[in-house]
Amino acid sequence: MSPNADLRRAILALSRERGPDKTICPSDAARAVGGEQWRDLMEDARDLARELARRGEVEISRRGEVLDPDVPWRGPVRIRAR
């Protein structure tokens, strides 16, 4: 399995476990897949979250506001299953 496939599965599994009223951080998925090297996976986790948001599988938000996955953004974000 590739790290990206594992990350994609982790994002979906963790966000679905939390339910539609709660969110996860991209670092939760990166930690689940990468162990002590989780920081190396953060950019990939954020990119995969954008991809999943484009497909309608998750929402990405900051301070409760849903972000457009096609618009540049930086800083901390949260991921929610749809």
C-alpha atoms as a PDB file:
ATOM      1  CA  MET A   1       0.000   0.000   0.000  1.00  0.00           C
ATOM      2  CA  SER A   2       1.163   3.522  -0.719  1.00  0.00           C
ATOM      3  CA  PRO A   3       1.260   6.118   2.044  1.00  0.00           C
ATOM      4  CA  ASN A   4      -1.299   8.209   0.131  1.00  0.00           C
ATOM      5  CA  ALA A   5      -3.756   5.319  -0.100  1.00  0.00           C
ATOM      6  CA  ASP A   6      -3.270   4.695   3.628  1.00  0.00           C
ATOM      7  CA  LEU A   7      -3.758   8.401   4.368  1.00  0.00           C
ATOM      8  CA  ARG A   8      -6.928   8.550   2.281  1.00  0.00           C
ATOM      9  CA  ARG A   9      -8.333   5.560   4.152  1.00  0.00           C
ATOM     10  CA  ALA A  10      -7.309   7.044   7.506  1.00  0.00           C
ATOM     11  CA  ILE A  11      -8.946  10.419   6.764  1.00  0.00           C
ATOM     12  CA  LEU A  12     -12.196   8.734   5.774  1.00  0.00           C
ATOM     13  CA  ALA A  13     -12.195   6.202   8.605  1.00  0.00           C
ATOM     14  CA  LEU A  14     -11.316   8.692  11.345  1.00  0.00           C
ATOM     15  CA  SER A  15     -13.761  11.346  10.153  1.00  0.00           C
ATOM     16  CA  ARG A  16     -16.574   8.797   9.803  1.00  0.00           C
ATOM     17  CA  GLU A  17     -15.827   7.427  13.286  1.00  0.00           C
ATOM     18  CA  ARG A  18     -16.219  10.916  14.738  1.00  0.00           C
ATOM     19  CA  GLY A  19     -19.511  11.416  12.926  1.00  0.00           C
ATOM     20  CA  PRO A  20     -20.968  14.390  11.065  1.00  0.00           C
ATOM     21  CA  ASP A  21     -21.050  16.649  14.135  1.00  0.00           C
ATOM     22  CA  LYS A  22     -17.331  16.345  14.960  1.00  0.00           C
ATOM     23  CA  THR A  23     -14.091  16.950  13.092  1.00  0.00           C
ATOM     24  CA  ILE A  24     -10.574  15.599  12.852  1.00  0.00           C
ATOM     25  CA  CYS A  25      -7.304  17.360  12.169  1.00  0.00           C
ATOM     26  CA  PRO A  26      -5.219  16.300   9.154  1.00  0.00           C
ATOM     27  CA  SER A  27      -2.504  15.471  11.696  1.00  0.00           C
ATOM     28  CA  ASP A  28      -4.751  12.741  13.170  1.00  0.00           C
ATOM     29  CA  ALA A  29      -4.567  10.831   9.886  1.00  0.00           C
ATOM     30  CA  ALA A  30      -0.864  11.605   9.429  1.00  0.00           C
ATOM     31  CA  ARG A  31      -0.117  10.281  12.927  1.00  0.00           C
ATOM     32  CA  ALA A  32      -2.182   7.136  12.320  1.00  0.00           C
ATOM     33  CA  VAL A  33      -0.216   6.343   9.159  1.00  0.00           C
ATOM     34  CA  GLY A  34       3.223   7.834   9.776  1.00  0.00           C
ATOM     35  CA  GLY A  35       3.915   7.139  13.423  1.00  0.00           C
ATOM     36  CA  GLU A  36       6.873   9.211  14.577  1.00  0.00           C
ATOM     37  CA  GLN A  37       7.407  10.559  11.037  1.00  0.00           C
ATOM     38  CA  TRP A  38       3.843  11.911  10.842  1.00  0.00           C
ATOM     39  CA  ARG A  39       5.012  15.466  10.118  1.00  0.00           C
ATOM     40  CA  ASP A  40       6.429  14.265   6.789  1.00  0.00           C
ATOM     41  CA  LEU A  41       2.876  13.330   5.740  1.00  0.00           C
ATOM     42  CA  MET A  42       1.107  16.589   6.642  1.00  0.00           C
ATOM     43  CA  GLU A  43       1.221  18.169   3.186  1.00  0.00           C
ATOM     44  CA  ASP A  44      -0.054  14.946   1.619  1.00  0.00           C
ATOM     45  CA  ALA A  45      -2.825  14.696   4.247  1.00  0.00           C
ATOM     46  CA  ARG A  46      -3.977  18.242   3.490  1.00  0.00           C
ATOM     47  CA  ASP A  47      -3.830  17.601  -0.288  1.00  0.00           C
ATOM     48  CA  LEU A  48      -5.842  14.402   0.081  1.00  0.00           C
ATOM     49  CA  ALA A  49      -8.399  16.209   2.246  1.00  0.00           C
ATOM     50  CA  ARG A  50      -8.821  18.742  -0.582  1.00  0.00           C
ATOM     51  CA  GLU A  51      -9.306  15.897  -3.069  1.00  0.00           C
ATOM     52  CA  LEU A  52     -11.875  14.209  -0.832  1.00  0.00           C
ATOM     53  CA  ALA A  53     -13.684  17.537  -0.358  1.00  0.00           C
ATOM     54  CA  ARG A  54     -13.867  18.008  -4.132  1.00  0.00           C
ATOM     55  CA  ARG A  55     -15.543  14.589  -4.344  1.00  0.00           C
ATOM     56  CA  GLY A  56     -18.009  15.533  -1.613  1.00  0.00           C
ATOM     57  CA  GLU A  57     -16.778  12.900   0.832  1.00  0.00           C
ATOM     58  CA  VAL A  58     -15.590  15.385   3.479  1.00  0.00           C
ATOM     59  CA  GLU A  59     -15.798  19.088   4.322  1.00  0.00           C
ATOM     60  CA  ILE A  60     -12.786  21.149   5.269  1.00  0.00           C
ATOM     61  CA  SER A  61     -13.379  23.977   7.709  1.00  0.00           C
ATOM     62  CA  ARG A  62     -11.652  26.631   9.764  1.00  0.00           C
ATOM     63  CA  ARG A  63     -13.360  28.112  12.819  1.00  0.00           C
ATOM     64  CA  GLY A  64     -16.622  26.552  11.699  1.00  0.00           C
ATOM     65  CA  GLU A  65     -16.539  28.047   8.178  1.00  0.00           C
ATOM     66  CA  VAL A  66     -16.468  25.540   5.306  1.00  0.00           C
ATOM     67  CA  LEU A  67     -13.538  26.196   2.974  1.00  0.00           C
ATOM     68  CA  ASP A  68     -13.557  25.826  -0.797  1.00  0.00           C
ATOM     69  CA  PRO A  69     -11.058  23.057  -1.644  1.00  0.00           C
ATOM     70  CA  ASP A  70     -10.110  24.874  -4.861  1.00  0.00           C
ATOM     71  CA  VAL A  71      -9.168  28.150  -3.186  1.00  0.00           C
ATOM     72  CA  PRO A  72      -5.718  28.530  -1.607  1.00  0.00           C
ATOM     73  CA  TRP A  73      -5.727  28.483   2.189  1.00  0.00           C
ATOM     74  CA  ARG A  74      -3.152  28.051   4.902  1.00  0.00           C
ATOM     75  CA  GLY A  75      -3.162  27.403   8.585  1.00  0.00           C
ATOM     76  CA  PRO A  76      -5.036  24.974  10.782  1.00  0.00           C
ATOM     77  CA  VAL A  77      -8.076  23.252   9.319  1.00  0.00           C
ATOM     78  CA  ARG A  78     -10.519  20.579  10.400  1.00  0.00           C
ATOM     79  CA  ILE A  79     -12.071  17.721   8.396  1.00  0.00           C
ATOM     80  CA  ARG A  80     -15.650  16.460   8.782  1.00  0.00           C
ATOM     81  CA  ALA A  81     -17.305  13.460   7.116  1.00  0.00           C
ATOM     82  CA  ARG A  82     -20.255  14.295   4.863  1.00  0.00           C
END
